[in-house]
Amino acid sequence: MLDLARLKALHAVSVHGTVGAAAAALGYTPSAVSQQIAKLERETRTTLLERRGRGVALTEEALHLAATARELLAIVERAETELEERRGVPAGRLTVMAFASAARGLLPGVLAELGRRHPALDARLSEVEPHLSVDLVAKGVVDLAVVHDWDITPLATPPGVDQAVIGDDLCDLLVPEGHPLAGRDAVPRTDLKGERWVSQPPGQICHDWLVRTMRAAGCEMDIVHQAEENHTLIALVAAGLGIALLPRLGRGPLPPGVTAVRLDPMPMRRLYAVWRSGAARRPAIAETVRVLQETWPDEAPPRAG
């Protein structure tokens, strides 16, 4: 009989593409994942992984077996959901993914509260970009994800994935202290023509939203510095190297030299929890969504540190 843990390892490699990425998702070492697949190869008397360059690729037989593993894991998930539902108490392992600022500014409090309320629940967090985590939820790799969208790029969820609104995250215009805009109560978007900007790199949701929104207001942006981390962007603003538009969640107090100004209209992004429809009855899912919504602040955080 095929071992379910070994099938799970193969399924993870098929989803994530590499042994290392699969190991990170499962909470194992790469060596442990490789050993599980090697044992599965001996059990099935089939070559499942082939060396390609510095990485590995699944053979055709492995792809068929991984598809079967996905079906089996879905059956196991349904069984676990039914058992947990009958108990009526959140329990077992719950895998959660969130984008960087939610992982920093929202999930620590949520996970701590879940641990206090439900000691039998083992919730585990991984940081992943929103456009990747929705797909990982749909494929059964993760139980629940916290994602976001913007007004011009609404969240699209595939069939079989449910969602619930957590809250709206407001965004501020950050300018260097002494900048002509620093003393304004509100700044129309059309007043930002000719400004030098710092922003996330192209391809990230925040960058693409910013460019499209400012272009719609008639402003072609001059992005002079790019960085992935919000704290780096804030440091660039503090040094007087440009202005930035950043959400409040996970931002923390602003350092000396940076002033937050309200952009009119004020941009915002909406946060969602997403999970597979088949797991909707699981108490752990329902309770985690409830705590996410309870933890979201009724009042927006202050605009200046």
C-alpha atoms as a PDB file:
ATOM      1  CA  MET A   1       0.000   0.000   0.000  1.00  0.00           C
ATOM      2  CA  LEU A   2       1.318   3.446  -0.912  1.00  0.00           C
ATOM      3  CA  ASP A   3       2.340   5.661   1.988  1.00  0.00           C
ATOM      4  CA  LEU A   4       0.268   8.872   2.196  1.00  0.00           C
ATOM      5  CA  ALA A   5       3.119  10.978   3.591  1.00  0.00           C
ATOM      6  CA  ARG A   6       5.284  10.036   0.598  1.00  0.00           C
ATOM      7  CA  LEU A   7       2.476  10.855  -1.807  1.00  0.00           C
ATOM      8  CA  LYS A   8       2.103  14.205  -0.056  1.00  0.00           C
ATOM      9  CA  ALA A   9       5.797  14.919  -0.605  1.00  0.00           C
ATOM     10  CA  LEU A  10       5.498  14.102  -4.321  1.00  0.00           C
ATOM     11  CA  HIS A  11       2.386  16.281  -4.619  1.00  0.00           C
ATOM     12  CA  ALA A  12       4.233  19.175  -2.964  1.00  0.00           C
ATOM     13  CA  VAL A  13       7.120  18.906  -5.443  1.00  0.00           C
ATOM     14  CA  SER A  14       4.647  18.877  -8.342  1.00  0.00           C
ATOM     15  CA  VAL A  15       2.977  22.053  -7.032  1.00  0.00           C
ATOM     16  CA  HIS A  16       6.058  24.020  -5.960  1.00  0.00           C
ATOM     17  CA  GLY A  17       8.439  22.878  -8.685  1.00  0.00           C
ATOM     18  CA  THR A  18      11.499  22.115  -6.559  1.00  0.00           C
ATOM     19  CA  VAL A  19      12.372  19.878  -3.638  1.00  0.00           C
ATOM     20  CA  GLY A  20      13.515  22.893  -1.618  1.00  0.00           C
ATOM     21  CA  ALA A  21      10.271  24.801  -2.136  1.00  0.00           C
ATOM     22  CA  ALA A  22       8.226  21.698  -1.349  1.00  0.00           C
ATOM     23  CA  ALA A  23      10.211  21.174   1.853  1.00  0.00           C
ATOM     24  CA  ALA A  24       9.603  24.783   2.936  1.00  0.00           C
ATOM     25  CA  ALA A  25       5.860  24.421   2.336  1.00  0.00           C
ATOM     26  CA  LEU A  26       5.668  21.141   4.276  1.00  0.00           C
ATOM     27  CA  GLY A  27       7.913  22.251   7.117  1.00  0.00           C
ATOM     28  CA  TYR A  28      10.491  19.550   6.330  1.00  0.00           C
ATOM     29  CA  THR A  29      14.131  19.636   5.266  1.00  0.00           C
ATOM     30  CA  PRO A  30      14.931  19.105   1.564  1.00  0.00           C
ATOM     31  CA  SER A  31      16.745  15.914   2.556  1.00  0.00           C
ATOM     32  CA  ALA A  32      13.612  14.565   4.240  1.00  0.00           C
ATOM     33  CA  VAL A  33      11.497  15.258   1.140  1.00  0.00           C
ATOM     34  CA  SER A  34      14.087  13.597  -1.102  1.00  0.00           C
ATOM     35  CA  GLN A  35      14.117  10.548   1.172  1.00  0.00           C
ATOM     36  CA  GLN A  36      10.315  10.278   1.094  1.00  0.00           C
ATOM     37  CA  ILE A  37      10.295  10.347  -2.708  1.00  0.00           C
ATOM     38  CA  ALA A  38      13.182   7.857  -2.916  1.00  0.00           C
ATOM     39  CA  LYS A  39      11.177   5.448  -0.744  1.00  0.00           C
ATOM     40  CA  LEU A  40       8.141   6.023  -2.954  1.00  0.00           C
ATOM     41  CA  GLU A  41      10.238   5.174  -6.005  1.00  0.00           C
ATOM     42  CA  ARG A  42      11.272   1.902  -4.389  1.00  0.00           C
ATOM     43  CA  GLU A  43       7.664   1.133  -3.436  1.00  0.00           C
ATOM     44  CA  THR A  44       6.363   1.787  -6.943  1.00  0.00           C
ATOM     45  CA  ARG A  45       9.495   0.534  -8.748  1.00  0.00           C
ATOM     46  CA  THR A  46       9.219   3.692 -10.830  1.00  0.00           C
ATOM     47  CA  THR A  47      11.536   6.627 -11.489  1.00  0.00           C
ATOM     48  CA  LEU A  48       9.697   9.723 -10.288  1.00  0.00           C
ATOM     49  CA  LEU A  49      12.321  12.479 -10.428  1.00  0.00           C
ATOM     50  CA  GLU A  50      14.854  13.165 -13.159  1.00  0.00           C
ATOM     51  CA  ARG A  51      17.867  15.426 -12.821  1.00  0.00           C
ATOM     52  CA  ARG A  52      17.690  18.475 -15.115  1.00  0.00           C
ATOM     53  CA  GLY A  53      20.544  20.943 -14.818  1.00  0.00           C
ATOM     54  CA  ARG A  54      20.747  21.965 -11.188  1.00  0.00           C
ATOM     55  CA  GLY A  55      17.164  20.961 -10.449  1.00  0.00           C
ATOM     56  CA  VAL A  56      14.790  18.043 -10.887  1.00  0.00           C
ATOM     57  CA  ALA A  57      11.713  17.373 -12.992  1.00  0.00           C
ATOM     58  CA  LEU A  58       8.829  14.965 -12.500  1.00  0.00           C
ATOM     59  CA  THR A  59       8.611  12.093 -14.941  1.00  0.00           C
ATOM     60  CA  GLU A  60       5.355  11.395 -16.776  1.00  0.00           C
ATOM     61  CA  GLU A  61       4.600   8.589 -14.325  1.00  0.00           C
ATOM     62  CA  ALA A  62       5.227  10.964 -11.427  1.00  0.00           C
ATOM     63  CA  LEU A  63       2.771  13.510 -12.847  1.00  0.00           C
ATOM     64  CA  HIS A  64       0.031  10.853 -13.004  1.00  0.00           C
ATOM     65  CA  LEU A  65       0.829   9.729  -9.474  1.00  0.00           C
ATOM     66  CA  ALA A  66       0.843  13.320  -8.210  1.00  0.00           C
ATOM     67  CA  ALA A  67      -2.636  13.850  -9.681  1.00  0.00           C
ATOM     68  CA  THR A  68      -3.854  10.766  -7.836  1.00  0.00           C
ATOM     69  CA  ALA A  69      -2.155  12.021  -4.664  1.00  0.00           C
ATOM     70  CA  ARG A  70      -4.089  15.262  -4.936  1.00  0.00           C
ATOM     71  CA  GLU A  71      -7.375  13.338  -5.056  1.00  0.00           C
ATOM     72  CA  LEU A  72      -6.385  11.227  -2.050  1.00  0.00           C
ATOM     73  CA  LEU A  73      -5.319  14.265  -0.036  1.00  0.00           C
ATOM     74  CA  ALA A  74      -8.672  15.899  -0.810  1.00  0.00           C
ATOM     75  CA  ILE A  75     -10.458  12.816   0.537  1.00  0.00           C
ATOM     76  CA  VAL A  76      -8.331  12.891   3.680  1.00  0.00           C
ATOM     77  CA  GLU A  77      -9.105  16.588   4.107  1.00  0.00           C
ATOM     78  CA  ARG A  78     -12.837  15.905   3.889  1.00  0.00           C
ATOM     79  CA  ALA A  79     -12.525  13.169   6.501  1.00  0.00           C
ATOM     80  CA  GLU A  80     -10.570  15.439   8.836  1.00  0.00           C
ATOM     81  CA  THR A  81     -13.106  18.229   8.292  1.00  0.00           C
ATOM     82  CA  GLU A  82     -15.997  15.937   9.163  1.00  0.00           C
ATOM     83  CA  LEU A  83     -14.273  14.720  12.328  1.00  0.00           C
ATOM     84  CA  GLU A  84     -13.435  18.256  13.427  1.00  0.00           C
ATOM     85  CA  GLU A  85     -16.976  19.373  12.613  1.00  0.00           C
ATOM     86  CA  ARG A  86     -18.420  16.586  14.766  1.00  0.00           C
ATOM     87  CA  ARG A  87     -16.200  17.625  17.670  1.00  0.00           C
ATOM     88  CA  GLY A  88     -17.178  21.259  17.128  1.00  0.00           C
ATOM     89  CA  VAL A  89     -13.774  22.463  18.340  1.00  0.00           C
ATOM     90  CA  PRO A  90     -10.934  23.896  16.189  1.00  0.00           C
ATOM     91  CA  ALA A  91      -8.110  21.381  16.293  1.00  0.00           C
ATOM     92  CA  GLY A  92      -5.278  19.887  14.277  1.00  0.00           C
ATOM     93  CA  ARG A  93      -2.852  21.608  11.939  1.00  0.00           C
ATOM     94  CA  LEU A  94      -3.953  24.681   9.993  1.00  0.00           C
ATOM     95  CA  THR A  95      -1.601  26.074   7.344  1.00  0.00           C
ATOM     96  CA  VAL A  96      -1.957  29.807   6.684  1.00  0.00           C
ATOM     97  CA  MET A  97      -0.325  32.039   4.073  1.00  0.00           C
ATOM     98  CA  ALA A  98      -0.225  35.840   4.034  1.00  0.00           C
ATOM     99  CA  PHE A  99       1.509  38.596   2.089  1.00  0.00           C
ATOM    100  CA  ALA A 100       4.373  40.438   3.800  1.00  0.00           C
ATOM    101  CA  SER A 101       2.640  43.381   5.496  1.00  0.00           C
ATOM    102  CA  ALA A 102      -0.255  41.196   6.702  1.00  0.00           C
ATOM    103  CA  ALA A 103       2.214  38.607   8.006  1.00  0.00           C
ATOM    104  CA  ARG A 104       3.914  41.417   9.935  1.00  0.00           C
ATOM    105  CA  GLY A 105       1.023  43.653  10.969  1.00  0.00           C
ATOM    106  CA  LEU A 106      -1.980  41.317  11.376  1.00  0.00           C
ATOM    107  CA  LEU A 107      -1.161  37.616  11.685  1.00  0.00           C
ATOM    108  CA  PRO A 108       1.034  37.644  14.832  1.00  0.00           C
ATOM    109  CA  GLY A 109      -1.877  38.870  16.947  1.00  0.00           C
ATOM    110  CA  VAL A 110      -4.340  36.558  15.210  1.00  0.00           C
ATOM    111  CA  LEU A 111      -2.195  33.461  15.669  1.00  0.00           C
ATOM    112  CA  ALA A 112      -1.515  34.320  19.306  1.00  0.00           C
ATOM    113  CA  GLU A 113      -5.245  34.752  19.967  1.00  0.00           C
ATOM    114  CA  LEU A 114      -6.058  31.457  18.251  1.00  0.00           C
ATOM    115  CA  GLY A 115      -3.471  29.732  20.427  1.00  0.00           C
ATOM    116  CA  ARG A 116      -4.984  31.191  23.596  1.00  0.00           C
ATOM    117  CA  ARG A 117      -8.533  30.213  22.646  1.00  0.00           C
ATOM    118  CA  HIS A 118      -7.820  26.815  21.112  1.00  0.00           C
ATOM    119  CA  PRO A 119      -4.708  25.027  22.430  1.00  0.00           C
ATOM    120  CA  ALA A 120      -5.471  21.974  20.260  1.00  0.00           C
ATOM    121  CA  LEU A 121      -5.174  24.072  17.083  1.00  0.00           C
ATOM    122  CA  ASP A 122      -1.696  24.115  15.501  1.00  0.00           C
ATOM    123  CA  ALA A 123      -1.765  27.118  13.119  1.00  0.00           C
ATOM    124  CA  ARG A 124       1.372  27.665  11.020  1.00  0.00           C
ATOM    125  CA  LEU A 125       2.191  30.740   8.906  1.00  0.00           C
ATOM    126  CA  SER A 126       4.134  31.168   5.665  1.00  0.00           C
ATOM    127  CA  GLU A 127       4.715  34.462   3.817  1.00  0.00           C
ATOM    128  CA  VAL A 128       3.677  34.352   0.141  1.00  0.00           C
ATOM    129  CA  GLU A 129       2.582  36.901  -2.468  1.00  0.00           C
ATOM    130  CA  PRO A 130      -1.240  37.124  -2.896  1.00  0.00           C
ATOM    131  CA  HIS A 131      -1.343  36.054  -6.551  1.00  0.00           C
ATOM    132  CA  LEU A 132       0.509  32.854  -5.630  1.00  0.00           C
ATOM    133  CA  SER A 133      -1.329  31.989  -2.415  1.00  0.00           C
ATOM    134  CA  VAL A 134      -4.812  31.854  -3.998  1.00  0.00           C
ATOM    135  CA  ASP A 135      -3.582  29.189  -6.403  1.00  0.00           C
ATOM    136  CA  LEU A 136      -1.945  27.261  -3.563  1.00  0.00           C
ATOM    137  CA  VAL A 137      -5.238  27.289  -1.648  1.00  0.00           C
ATOM    138  CA  ALA A 138      -7.081  25.992  -4.716  1.00  0.00           C
ATOM    139  CA  LYS A 139      -4.534  23.185  -5.136  1.00  0.00           C
ATOM    140  CA  GLY A 140      -4.879  22.090  -1.524  1.00  0.00           C
ATOM    141  CA  VAL A 141      -1.337  23.013  -0.522  1.00  0.00           C
ATOM    142  CA  VAL A 142      -2.466  25.493   2.134  1.00  0.00           C
ATOM    143  CA  ASP A 143      -5.681  25.678   4.165  1.00  0.00           C
ATOM    144  CA  LEU A 144      -6.275  29.435   4.289  1.00  0.00           C
ATOM    145  CA  ALA A 145      -4.631  32.555   2.866  1.00  0.00           C
ATOM    146  CA  VAL A 146      -4.859  36.277   3.574  1.00  0.00           C
ATOM    147  CA  VAL A 147      -4.765  38.207   0.305  1.00  0.00           C
ATOM    148  CA  HIS A 148      -5.634  41.683  -0.960  1.00  0.00           C
ATOM    149  CA  ASP A 149      -6.798  43.538  -4.032  1.00  0.00           C
ATOM    150  CA  TRP A 150      -7.206  47.128  -5.237  1.00  0.00           C
ATOM    151  CA  ASP A 151     -10.158  48.901  -6.803  1.00  0.00           C
ATOM    152  CA  ILE A 152      -8.811  48.596 -10.353  1.00  0.00           C
ATOM    153  CA  THR A 153      -7.494  45.040  -9.906  1.00  0.00           C
ATOM    154  CA  PRO A 154     -10.260  43.078  -8.107  1.00  0.00           C
ATOM    155  CA  LEU A 155      -9.470  39.702  -6.591  1.00  0.00           C
ATOM    156  CA  ALA A 156     -10.286  36.752  -8.824  1.00  0.00           C
ATOM    157  CA  THR A 157     -10.823  33.416  -7.107  1.00  0.00           C
ATOM    158  CA  PRO A 158     -11.104  30.131  -9.035  1.00  0.00           C
ATOM    159  CA  PRO A 159     -14.082  27.782  -8.674  1.00  0.00           C
ATOM    160  CA  GLY A 160     -14.012  25.883  -5.401  1.00  0.00           C
ATOM    161  CA  VAL A 161     -12.465  28.746  -3.412  1.00  0.00           C
ATOM    162  CA  ASP A 162     -14.530  30.836  -0.967  1.00  0.00           C
ATOM    163  CA  GLN A 163     -13.647  34.253   0.410  1.00  0.00           C
ATOM    164  CA  ALA A 164     -14.617  36.671   3.199  1.00  0.00           C
ATOM    165  CA  VAL A 165     -13.740  40.349   3.620  1.00  0.00           C
ATOM    166  CA  ILE A 166     -11.402  41.126   6.517  1.00  0.00           C
ATOM    167  CA  GLY A 167     -11.199  44.921   6.190  1.00  0.00           C
ATOM    168  CA  ASP A 168      -9.938  47.911   4.204  1.00  0.00           C
ATOM    169  CA  ASP A 169      -6.340  49.096   4.488  1.00  0.00           C
ATOM    170  CA  LEU A 170      -5.948  52.838   3.839  1.00  0.00           C
ATOM    171  CA  CYS A 171      -2.901  54.255   2.051  1.00  0.00           C
ATOM    172  CA  ASP A 172      -1.015  57.483   2.732  1.00  0.00           C
ATOM    173  CA  LEU A 173       1.215  59.638   0.594  1.00  0.00           C
ATOM    174  CA  LEU A 174       4.631  59.751   2.283  1.00  0.00           C
ATOM    175  CA  VAL A 175       6.804  62.793   1.584  1.00  0.00           C
ATOM    176  CA  PRO A 176      10.085  64.049   3.024  1.00  0.00           C
ATOM    177  CA  GLU A 177       9.878  66.561   5.833  1.00  0.00           C
ATOM    178  CA  GLY A 178      10.064  70.046   4.324  1.00  0.00           C
ATOM    179  CA  HIS A 179       8.575  68.912   1.002  1.00  0.00           C
ATOM    180  CA  PRO A 180       6.073  71.442  -0.459  1.00  0.00           C
ATOM    181  CA  LEU A 181       3.275  68.887   0.012  1.00  0.00           C
ATOM    182  CA  ALA A 182       4.117  68.159   3.652  1.00  0.00           C
ATOM    183  CA  GLY A 183       1.905  70.884   5.097  1.00  0.00           C
ATOM    184  CA  ARG A 184      -1.171  70.123   3.016  1.00  0.00           C
ATOM    185  CA  ASP A 185      -4.338  68.654   4.568  1.00  0.00           C
ATOM    186  CA  ALA A 186      -5.088  66.758   1.359  1.00  0.00           C
ATOM    187  CA  VAL A 187      -3.437  66.450  -2.039  1.00  0.00           C
ATOM    188  CA  PRO A 188      -5.388  65.805  -5.285  1.00  0.00           C
ATOM    189  CA  ARG A 189      -3.752  63.221  -7.511  1.00  0.00           C
ATOM    190  CA  THR A 190      -3.387  65.786 -10.293  1.00  0.00           C
ATOM    191  CA  ASP A 191      -1.003  67.806  -8.082  1.00  0.00           C
ATOM    192  CA  LEU A 192       1.600  65.043  -8.216  1.00  0.00           C
ATOM    193  CA  LYS A 193       2.806  65.737 -11.752  1.00  0.00           C
ATOM    194  CA  GLY A 194       6.583  66.019 -11.967  1.00  0.00           C
ATOM    195  CA  GLU A 195       7.262  64.302  -8.638  1.00  0.00           C
ATOM    196  CA  ARG A 196      10.036  61.747  -8.194  1.00  0.00           C
ATOM    197  CA  TRP A 197       8.751  58.449  -6.786  1.00  0.00           C
ATOM    198  CA  VAL A 198      10.046  55.418  -4.923  1.00  0.00           C
ATOM    199  CA  SER A 199       8.042  52.244  -5.461  1.00  0.00           C
ATOM    200  CA  GLN A 200       7.995  48.465  -5.474  1.00  0.00           C
ATOM    201  CA  PRO A 201       9.372  46.843  -8.671  1.00  0.00           C
ATOM    202  CA  PRO A 202       7.132  46.256 -11.716  1.00  0.00           C
ATOM    203  CA  GLY A 203       5.022  43.111 -11.515  1.00  0.00           C
ATOM    204  CA  GLN A 204       4.050  43.637  -7.885  1.00  0.00           C
ATOM    205  CA  ILE A 205       0.409  44.517  -7.277  1.00  0.00           C
ATOM    206  CA  CYS A 206       1.161  47.783  -5.446  1.00  0.00           C
ATOM    207  CA  HIS A 207       3.465  49.028  -8.226  1.00  0.00           C
ATOM    208  CA  ASP A 208       1.080  48.178 -11.040  1.00  0.00           C
ATOM    209  CA  TRP A 209      -1.859  49.755  -9.206  1.00  0.00           C
ATOM    210  CA  LEU A 210       0.122  52.940  -8.538  1.00  0.00           C
ATOM    211  CA  VAL A 211       1.217  53.379 -12.160  1.00  0.00           C
ATOM    212  CA  ARG A 212      -2.244  52.719 -13.591  1.00  0.00           C
ATOM    213  CA  THR A 213      -3.983  54.989 -11.076  1.00  0.00           C
ATOM    214  CA  MET A 214      -1.650  57.930 -11.561  1.00  0.00           C
ATOM    215  CA  ARG A 215      -1.757  57.506 -15.318  1.00  0.00           C
ATOM    216  CA  ALA A 216      -5.554  57.678 -15.155  1.00  0.00           C
ATOM    217  CA  ALA A 217      -5.140  61.027 -13.335  1.00  0.00           C
ATOM    218  CA  GLY A 218      -2.918  62.284 -16.159  1.00  0.00           C
ATOM    219  CA  CYS A 219       0.388  61.757 -14.327  1.00  0.00           C
ATOM    220  CA  GLU A 220       3.167  59.806 -15.999  1.00  0.00           C
ATOM    221  CA  MET A 221       5.316  58.670 -13.096  1.00  0.00           C
ATOM    222  CA  ASP A 222       9.058  59.139 -12.741  1.00  0.00           C
ATOM    223  CA  ILE A 223      10.022  56.165 -10.555  1.00  0.00           C
ATOM    224  CA  VAL A 224      13.647  56.795  -9.608  1.00  0.00           C
ATOM    225  CA  HIS A 225      14.138  54.095  -6.947  1.00  0.00           C
ATOM    226  CA  GLN A 226      12.635  50.631  -6.546  1.00  0.00           C
ATOM    227  CA  ALA A 227      12.654  48.308  -3.533  1.00  0.00           C
ATOM    228  CA  GLU A 228      10.526  45.383  -2.379  1.00  0.00           C
ATOM    229  CA  GLU A 229      10.517  46.147   1.355  1.00  0.00           C
ATOM    230  CA  ASN A 230       8.295  48.961   2.634  1.00  0.00           C
ATOM    231  CA  HIS A 231      10.881  49.903   5.265  1.00  0.00           C
ATOM    232  CA  THR A 232      13.435  50.467   2.491  1.00  0.00           C
ATOM    233  CA  LEU A 233      10.984  52.689   0.608  1.00  0.00           C
ATOM    234  CA  ILE A 234      10.370  54.717   3.767  1.00  0.00           C
ATOM    235  CA  ALA A 235      14.121  55.121   4.295  1.00  0.00           C
ATOM    236  CA  LEU A 236      14.453  56.451   0.736  1.00  0.00           C
ATOM    237  CA  VAL A 237      11.688  58.979   1.413  1.00  0.00           C
ATOM    238  CA  ALA A 238      13.360  60.011   4.686  1.00  0.00           C
ATOM    239  CA  ALA A 239      16.557  60.679   2.747  1.00  0.00           C
ATOM    240  CA  GLY A 240      14.662  63.092   0.479  1.00  0.00           C
ATOM    241  CA  LEU A 241      14.999  60.879  -2.601  1.00  0.00           C
ATOM    242  CA  GLY A 242      11.335  60.765  -3.591  1.00  0.00           C
ATOM    243  CA  ILE A 243       7.744  60.326  -2.446  1.00  0.00           C
ATOM    244  CA  ALA A 244       5.834  57.066  -1.966  1.00  0.00           C
ATOM    245  CA  LEU A 245       2.305  55.752  -1.547  1.00  0.00           C
ATOM    246  CA  LEU A 246       2.161  53.032   1.119  1.00  0.00           C
ATOM    247  CA  PRO A 247      -0.624  51.164   2.960  1.00  0.00           C
ATOM    248  CA  ARG A 248      -0.806  51.485   6.732  1.00  0.00           C
ATOM    249  CA  LEU A 249      -0.934  47.791   7.624  1.00  0.00           C
ATOM    250  CA  GLY A 250       2.384  46.596   9.004  1.00  0.00           C
ATOM    251  CA  ARG A 251       4.062  49.920   8.266  1.00  0.00           C
ATOM    252  CA  GLY A 252       4.796  50.882  11.856  1.00  0.00           C
ATOM    253  CA  PRO A 253       5.637  54.372  13.138  1.00  0.00           C
ATOM    254  CA  LEU A 254       7.158  56.702  10.588  1.00  0.00           C
ATOM    255  CA  PRO A 255      10.751  57.755  11.268  1.00  0.00           C
ATOM    256  CA  PRO A 256      11.909  61.363  11.617  1.00  0.00           C
ATOM    257  CA  GLY A 257      12.054  63.074   8.266  1.00  0.00           C
ATOM    258  CA  VAL A 258       8.893  61.478   6.832  1.00  0.00           C
ATOM    259  CA  THR A 259       5.415  63.052   6.800  1.00  0.00           C
ATOM    260  CA  ALA A 260       2.147  61.315   5.883  1.00  0.00           C
ATOM    261  CA  VAL A 261      -0.329  63.322   3.798  1.00  0.00           C
ATOM    262  CA  ARG A 262      -3.848  62.320   2.757  1.00  0.00           C
ATOM    263  CA  LEU A 263      -4.225  61.742  -0.963  1.00  0.00           C
ATOM    264  CA  ASP A 264      -7.636  62.805  -2.293  1.00  0.00           C
ATOM    265  CA  PRO A 265      -9.413  60.490  -2.952  1.00  0.00           C
ATOM    266  CA  MET A 266      -7.679  58.257  -0.431  1.00  0.00           C
ATOM    267  CA  PRO A 267      -6.589  54.926  -1.959  1.00  0.00           C
ATOM    268  CA  MET A 268      -7.221  51.670  -0.147  1.00  0.00           C
ATOM    269  CA  ARG A 269      -6.803  47.964  -0.631  1.00  0.00           C
ATOM    270  CA  ARG A 270      -9.216  45.327   0.628  1.00  0.00           C
ATOM    271  CA  LEU A 271      -8.057  42.269   2.557  1.00  0.00           C
ATOM    272  CA  TYR A 272      -9.735  38.870   2.219  1.00  0.00           C
ATOM    273  CA  ALA A 273      -9.445  35.436   3.749  1.00  0.00           C
ATOM    274  CA  VAL A 274      -9.702  32.654   1.148  1.00  0.00           C
ATOM    275  CA  TRP A 275     -10.121  28.899   1.640  1.00  0.00           C
ATOM    276  CA  ARG A 276     -11.358  25.852  -0.259  1.00  0.00           C
ATOM    277  CA  SER A 277     -15.126  25.467  -0.380  1.00  0.00           C
ATOM    278  CA  GLY A 278     -14.845  21.849   0.764  1.00  0.00           C
ATOM    279  CA  ALA A 279     -13.216  22.960   4.016  1.00  0.00           C
ATOM    280  CA  ALA A 280     -15.760  25.688   4.795  1.00  0.00           C
ATOM    281  CA  ARG A 281     -17.417  23.564   7.526  1.00  0.00           C
ATOM    282  CA  ARG A 282     -14.151  23.038   9.367  1.00  0.00           C
ATOM    283  CA  PRO A 283     -14.315  24.849  12.736  1.00  0.00           C
ATOM    284  CA  ALA A 284     -10.649  25.888  12.443  1.00  0.00           C
ATOM    285  CA  ILE A 285     -11.372  27.769   9.211  1.00  0.00           C
ATOM    286  CA  ALA A 286     -14.488  29.485  10.566  1.00  0.00           C
ATOM    287  CA  GLU A 287     -12.746  30.476  13.805  1.00  0.00           C
ATOM    288  CA  THR A 288      -9.651  31.821  12.033  1.00  0.00           C
ATOM    289  CA  VAL A 289     -11.791  33.974   9.733  1.00  0.00           C
ATOM    290  CA  ARG A 290     -13.728  35.229  12.765  1.00  0.00           C
ATOM    291  CA  VAL A 291     -10.542  36.172  14.644  1.00  0.00           C
ATOM    292  CA  LEU A 292      -9.110  37.881  11.540  1.00  0.00           C
ATOM    293  CA  GLN A 293     -12.225  40.051  11.303  1.00  0.00           C
ATOM    294  CA  GLU A 294     -12.307  40.733  15.052  1.00  0.00           C
ATOM    295  CA  THR A 295      -8.623  41.716  15.098  1.00  0.00           C
ATOM    296  CA  TRP A 296      -8.941  44.155  12.207  1.00  0.00           C
ATOM    297  CA  PRO A 297      -8.998  47.660  13.765  1.00  0.00           C
ATOM    298  CA  ASP A 298     -12.284  49.564  13.737  1.00  0.00           C
ATOM    299  CA  GLU A 299     -10.289  52.795  13.605  1.00  0.00           C
ATOM    300  CA  ALA A 300      -7.607  53.212  10.973  1.00  0.00           C
ATOM    301  CA  PRO A 301      -4.095  53.384  12.489  1.00  0.00           C
ATOM    302  CA  PRO A 302      -2.508  56.843  12.834  1.00  0.00           C
ATOM    303  CA  ARG A 303      -0.936  58.387   9.765  1.00  0.00           C
ATOM    304  CA  ALA A 304       2.229  59.530  11.484  1.00  0.00           C
ATOM    305  CA  GLY A 305       4.539  57.881  13.952  1.00  0.00           C
END
